Amino acid sequence: MHDFSCKEPDDMYYDVLTKRAAYFKKTQEGREEMSDVMKKFAERLVHDNNIEIAKNLLADGVSIEIIANRFKLPIEEVRKLAEKRSA
């Protein structure tokens, strides 16, 4: 547990974790890789949130086209949500 609370890889005890943490924190390649991972994670969170909002709007009777347009969701994805809701 100690290693997971360390801000600096050099303060860690477990060698494998130290090396991986150093890669992500101290190398350009590691920082870029972590940045890409975090961007994808954030995009997924936004998408999942938009899906939940779309479900609520469908329940309120908002049109599929408006939902797809406002939340930048593929219209087919919103249609599938609507179909699931009515099934």
N, C-alpha and C. Protein backbone atom coordinates (compact mmCIF):
# COMPACT_ATOMS: atom_id res chain seq x y z
N MET A 1 0.82 -1.19 0.00
CA MET A 1 0.00 0.00 0.00
C MET A 1 0.86 1.26 0.00
N HIS A 2 2.02 1.18 0.58
CA HIS A 2 2.92 2.34 0.64
C HIS A 2 3.19 2.90 -0.75
N ASP A 3 3.51 2.02 -1.70
CA ASP A 3 3.88 2.47 -3.03
C ASP A 3 2.76 3.25 -3.72
N PHE A 4 1.51 2.88 -3.47
CA PHE A 4 0.39 3.55 -4.13
C PHE A 4 0.16 4.97 -3.62
N SER A 5 0.71 5.28 -2.48
CA SER A 5 0.56 6.63 -1.95
C SER A 5 1.76 7.53 -2.27
N CYS A 6 2.76 6.98 -2.91
CA CYS A 6 3.96 7.75 -3.24
C CYS A 6 3.73 8.62 -4.48
N LYS A 7 4.19 9.85 -4.39
CA LYS A 7 4.11 10.75 -5.53
C LYS A 7 5.30 10.59 -6.46
N GLU A 8 6.39 10.17 -5.91
CA GLU A 8 7.63 9.99 -6.68
C GLU A 8 7.99 8.51 -6.77
N PRO A 9 8.28 8.02 -7.98
CA PRO A 9 8.66 6.61 -8.13
C PRO A 9 9.87 6.21 -7.29
N ASP A 10 10.80 7.15 -7.08
CA ASP A 10 12.00 6.83 -6.31
C ASP A 10 11.69 6.50 -4.85
N ASP A 11 10.52 6.87 -4.37
CA ASP A 11 10.13 6.58 -2.98
C ASP A 11 9.46 5.23 -2.83
N MET A 12 9.24 4.53 -3.94
CA MET A 12 8.55 3.23 -3.91
C MET A 12 9.51 2.10 -3.56
N TYR A 13 8.93 1.02 -3.04
CA TYR A 13 9.72 -0.15 -2.66
C TYR A 13 9.68 -1.25 -3.72
N TYR A 14 8.55 -1.45 -4.36
CA TYR A 14 8.36 -2.55 -5.30
C TYR A 14 8.97 -2.17 -6.65
N ASP A 15 9.99 -2.90 -7.07
CA ASP A 15 10.80 -2.54 -8.23
C ASP A 15 9.98 -2.44 -9.52
N VAL A 16 9.10 -3.39 -9.76
CA VAL A 16 8.32 -3.38 -11.00
C VAL A 16 7.43 -2.14 -11.06
N LEU A 17 6.76 -1.84 -9.96
CA LEU A 17 5.91 -0.67 -9.90
C LEU A 17 6.73 0.62 -10.02
N THR A 18 7.87 0.64 -9.41
CA THR A 18 8.77 1.79 -9.51
C THR A 18 9.14 2.07 -10.96
N LYS A 19 9.51 1.03 -11.69
CA LYS A 19 9.91 1.19 -13.09
C LYS A 19 8.75 1.68 -13.95
N ARG A 20 7.56 1.12 -13.75
CA ARG A 20 6.40 1.54 -14.56
C ARG A 20 5.99 2.97 -14.23
N ALA A 21 5.97 3.31 -12.95
CA ALA A 21 5.61 4.66 -12.55
C ALA A 21 6.62 5.67 -13.11
N ALA A 22 7.89 5.31 -13.06
CA ALA A 22 8.93 6.20 -13.60
C ALA A 22 8.75 6.38 -15.10
N TYR A 23 8.40 5.32 -15.80
CA TYR A 23 8.17 5.41 -17.24
C TYR A 23 7.06 6.43 -17.54
N PHE A 24 5.94 6.33 -16.82
CA PHE A 24 4.82 7.23 -17.09
C PHE A 24 5.05 8.65 -16.61
N LYS A 25 5.87 8.81 -15.59
CA LYS A 25 6.09 10.14 -15.04
C LYS A 25 7.33 10.84 -15.58
N LYS A 26 8.35 10.09 -15.97
CA LYS A 26 9.64 10.71 -16.27
C LYS A 26 10.08 10.63 -17.73
N THR A 27 9.34 9.92 -18.57
CA THR A 27 9.72 9.87 -19.98
C THR A 27 8.65 10.53 -20.83
N GLN A 28 9.08 11.12 -21.91
CA GLN A 28 8.13 11.77 -22.83
C GLN A 28 7.14 10.75 -23.39
N GLU A 29 7.63 9.58 -23.77
CA GLU A 29 6.75 8.54 -24.31
C GLU A 29 5.71 8.12 -23.29
N GLY A 30 6.14 7.95 -22.06
CA GLY A 30 5.22 7.55 -21.00
C GLY A 30 4.16 8.60 -20.73
N ARG A 31 4.57 9.86 -20.71
CA ARG A 31 3.60 10.95 -20.49
C ARG A 31 2.60 11.03 -21.63
N GLU A 32 3.07 10.85 -22.86
CA GLU A 32 2.17 10.88 -24.01
C GLU A 32 1.19 9.72 -23.97
N GLU A 33 1.70 8.54 -23.62
CA GLU A 33 0.85 7.36 -23.53
C GLU A 33 -0.22 7.56 -22.45
N MET A 34 0.18 8.07 -21.30
CA MET A 34 -0.77 8.30 -20.22
C MET A 34 -1.78 9.38 -20.61
N SER A 35 -1.32 10.38 -21.32
CA SER A 35 -2.21 11.44 -21.78
C SER A 35 -3.27 10.88 -22.72
N ASP A 36 -2.86 10.01 -23.63
CA ASP A 36 -3.81 9.37 -24.54
C ASP A 36 -4.82 8.53 -23.78
N VAL A 37 -4.35 7.78 -22.81
CA VAL A 37 -5.24 6.94 -22.00
C VAL A 37 -6.25 7.81 -21.26
N MET A 38 -5.79 8.88 -20.67
CA MET A 38 -6.69 9.75 -19.92
C MET A 38 -7.69 10.46 -20.82
N LYS A 39 -7.27 10.85 -22.03
CA LYS A 39 -8.20 11.46 -22.98
C LYS A 39 -9.30 10.47 -23.35
N LYS A 40 -8.92 9.23 -23.64
CA LYS A 40 -9.92 8.21 -23.98
C LYS A 40 -10.85 7.95 -22.81
N PHE A 41 -10.32 7.92 -21.61
CA PHE A 41 -11.13 7.72 -20.41
C PHE A 41 -12.13 8.87 -20.26
N ALA A 42 -11.68 10.09 -20.43
CA ALA A 42 -12.56 11.25 -20.30
C ALA A 42 -13.63 11.24 -21.39
N GLU A 43 -13.25 10.90 -22.61
CA GLU A 43 -14.23 10.82 -23.69
C GLU A 43 -15.29 9.77 -23.39
N ARG A 44 -14.86 8.65 -22.83
CA ARG A 44 -15.81 7.59 -22.49
C ARG A 44 -16.78 8.05 -21.39
N LEU A 45 -16.26 8.76 -20.41
CA LEU A 45 -17.13 9.28 -19.35
C LEU A 45 -18.17 10.25 -19.91
N VAL A 46 -17.73 11.14 -20.79
CA VAL A 46 -18.66 12.09 -21.41
C VAL A 46 -19.71 11.35 -22.23
N HIS A 47 -19.26 10.37 -23.00
CA HIS A 47 -20.18 9.59 -23.82
C HIS A 47 -21.21 8.87 -22.95
N ASP A 48 -20.75 8.20 -21.92
CA ASP A 48 -21.67 7.48 -21.03
C ASP A 48 -22.66 8.43 -20.36
N ASN A 49 -22.19 9.61 -19.99
CA ASN A 49 -23.07 10.61 -19.40
C ASN A 49 -24.12 11.06 -20.42
N ASN A 50 -23.68 11.28 -21.66
CA ASN A 50 -24.61 11.69 -22.71
C ASN A 50 -25.65 10.61 -22.99
N ILE A 51 -25.27 9.37 -22.89
CA ILE A 51 -26.22 8.27 -23.08
C ILE A 51 -27.29 8.30 -21.98
N GLU A 52 -26.87 8.51 -20.76
CA GLU A 52 -27.83 8.58 -19.65
C GLU A 52 -28.79 9.76 -19.84
N ILE A 53 -28.26 10.89 -20.25
CA ILE A 53 -29.10 12.06 -20.51
C ILE A 53 -30.06 11.75 -21.65
N ALA A 54 -29.55 11.11 -22.71
CA ALA A 54 -30.40 10.75 -23.85
C ALA A 54 -31.55 9.85 -23.42
N LYS A 55 -31.28 8.88 -22.56
CA LYS A 55 -32.34 7.99 -22.06
C LYS A 55 -33.42 8.80 -21.34
N ASN A 56 -32.98 9.73 -20.52
CA ASN A 56 -33.94 10.56 -19.78
C ASN A 56 -34.76 11.43 -20.73
N LEU A 57 -34.11 12.00 -21.73
CA LEU A 57 -34.82 12.85 -22.68
C LEU A 57 -35.79 12.04 -23.52
N LEU A 58 -35.40 10.83 -23.89
CA LEU A 58 -36.33 9.95 -24.62
C LEU A 58 -37.56 9.67 -23.77
N ALA A 59 -37.36 9.43 -22.49
CA ALA A 59 -38.47 9.19 -21.58
C ALA A 59 -39.39 10.41 -21.48
N ASP A 60 -38.81 11.60 -21.67
CA ASP A 60 -39.60 12.84 -21.64
C ASP A 60 -40.22 13.18 -22.99
N GLY A 61 -39.96 12.34 -23.99
CA GLY A 61 -40.58 12.55 -25.30
C GLY A 61 -39.81 13.43 -26.26
N VAL A 62 -38.57 13.72 -25.97
CA VAL A 62 -37.75 14.53 -26.87
C VAL A 62 -37.40 13.68 -28.10
N SER A 63 -37.38 14.30 -29.26
CA SER A 63 -37.16 13.53 -30.50
C SER A 63 -35.73 12.99 -30.58
N ILE A 64 -35.63 11.88 -31.29
CA ILE A 64 -34.35 11.21 -31.50
C ILE A 64 -33.37 12.16 -32.21
N GLU A 65 -33.85 12.89 -33.19
CA GLU A 65 -33.00 13.78 -33.97
C GLU A 65 -32.42 14.90 -33.11
N ILE A 66 -33.26 15.48 -32.26
CA ILE A 66 -32.79 16.56 -31.39
C ILE A 66 -31.74 16.04 -30.43
N ILE A 67 -31.99 14.89 -29.83
CA ILE A 67 -31.03 14.31 -28.88
C ILE A 67 -29.70 14.03 -29.56
N ALA A 68 -29.75 13.38 -30.72
CA ALA A 68 -28.52 13.05 -31.45
C ALA A 68 -27.74 14.31 -31.80
N ASN A 69 -28.45 15.33 -32.24
CA ASN A 69 -27.80 16.58 -32.64
C ASN A 69 -27.19 17.30 -31.44
N ARG A 70 -27.93 17.46 -30.38
CA ARG A 70 -27.46 18.24 -29.23
C ARG A 70 -26.31 17.57 -28.48
N PHE A 71 -26.34 16.24 -28.45
CA PHE A 71 -25.33 15.53 -27.67
C PHE A 71 -24.28 14.84 -28.54
N LYS A 72 -24.29 15.16 -29.83
CA LYS A 72 -23.28 14.64 -30.77
C LYS A 72 -23.18 13.12 -30.69
N LEU A 73 -24.35 12.48 -30.63
CA LEU A 73 -24.42 11.03 -30.63
C LEU A 73 -24.87 10.55 -32.00
N PRO A 74 -24.36 9.42 -32.45
CA PRO A 74 -24.85 8.87 -33.73
C PRO A 74 -26.36 8.60 -33.64
N ILE A 75 -27.08 9.01 -34.67
CA ILE A 75 -28.53 8.87 -34.63
C ILE A 75 -28.95 7.41 -34.47
N GLU A 76 -28.19 6.49 -35.04
CA GLU A 76 -28.50 5.06 -34.90
C GLU A 76 -28.39 4.61 -33.44
N GLU A 77 -27.43 5.15 -32.74
CA GLU A 77 -27.27 4.81 -31.33
C GLU A 77 -28.47 5.30 -30.52
N VAL A 78 -28.94 6.49 -30.81
CA VAL A 78 -30.10 7.03 -30.11
C VAL A 78 -31.35 6.23 -30.48
N ARG A 79 -31.45 5.83 -31.75
CA ARG A 79 -32.60 5.00 -32.17
C ARG A 79 -32.62 3.68 -31.39
N LYS A 80 -31.44 3.08 -31.25
CA LYS A 80 -31.37 1.82 -30.48
C LYS A 80 -31.79 2.02 -29.04
N LEU A 81 -31.38 3.15 -28.45
CA LEU A 81 -31.82 3.45 -27.08
C LEU A 81 -33.34 3.57 -27.02
N ALA A 82 -33.90 4.23 -28.02
CA ALA A 82 -35.37 4.40 -28.07
C ALA A 82 -36.06 3.05 -28.23
N GLU A 83 -35.49 2.19 -29.06
CA GLU A 83 -36.08 0.86 -29.27
C GLU A 83 -36.04 0.04 -27.99
N LYS A 84 -34.93 0.08 -27.29
CA LYS A 84 -34.81 -0.64 -26.02
C LYS A 84 -35.84 -0.14 -25.00
N ARG A 85 -36.04 1.16 -25.02
CA ARG A 85 -36.97 1.78 -24.09
C ARG A 85 -38.40 1.34 -24.36
N SER A 86 -38.74 1.20 -25.64
CA SER A 86 -40.12 0.84 -25.99
C SER A 86 -40.34 -0.67 -25.99
N ALA A 87 -39.28 -1.44 -25.88
CA ALA A 87 -39.42 -2.91 -25.90
C ALA A 87 -39.88 -3.47 -24.58
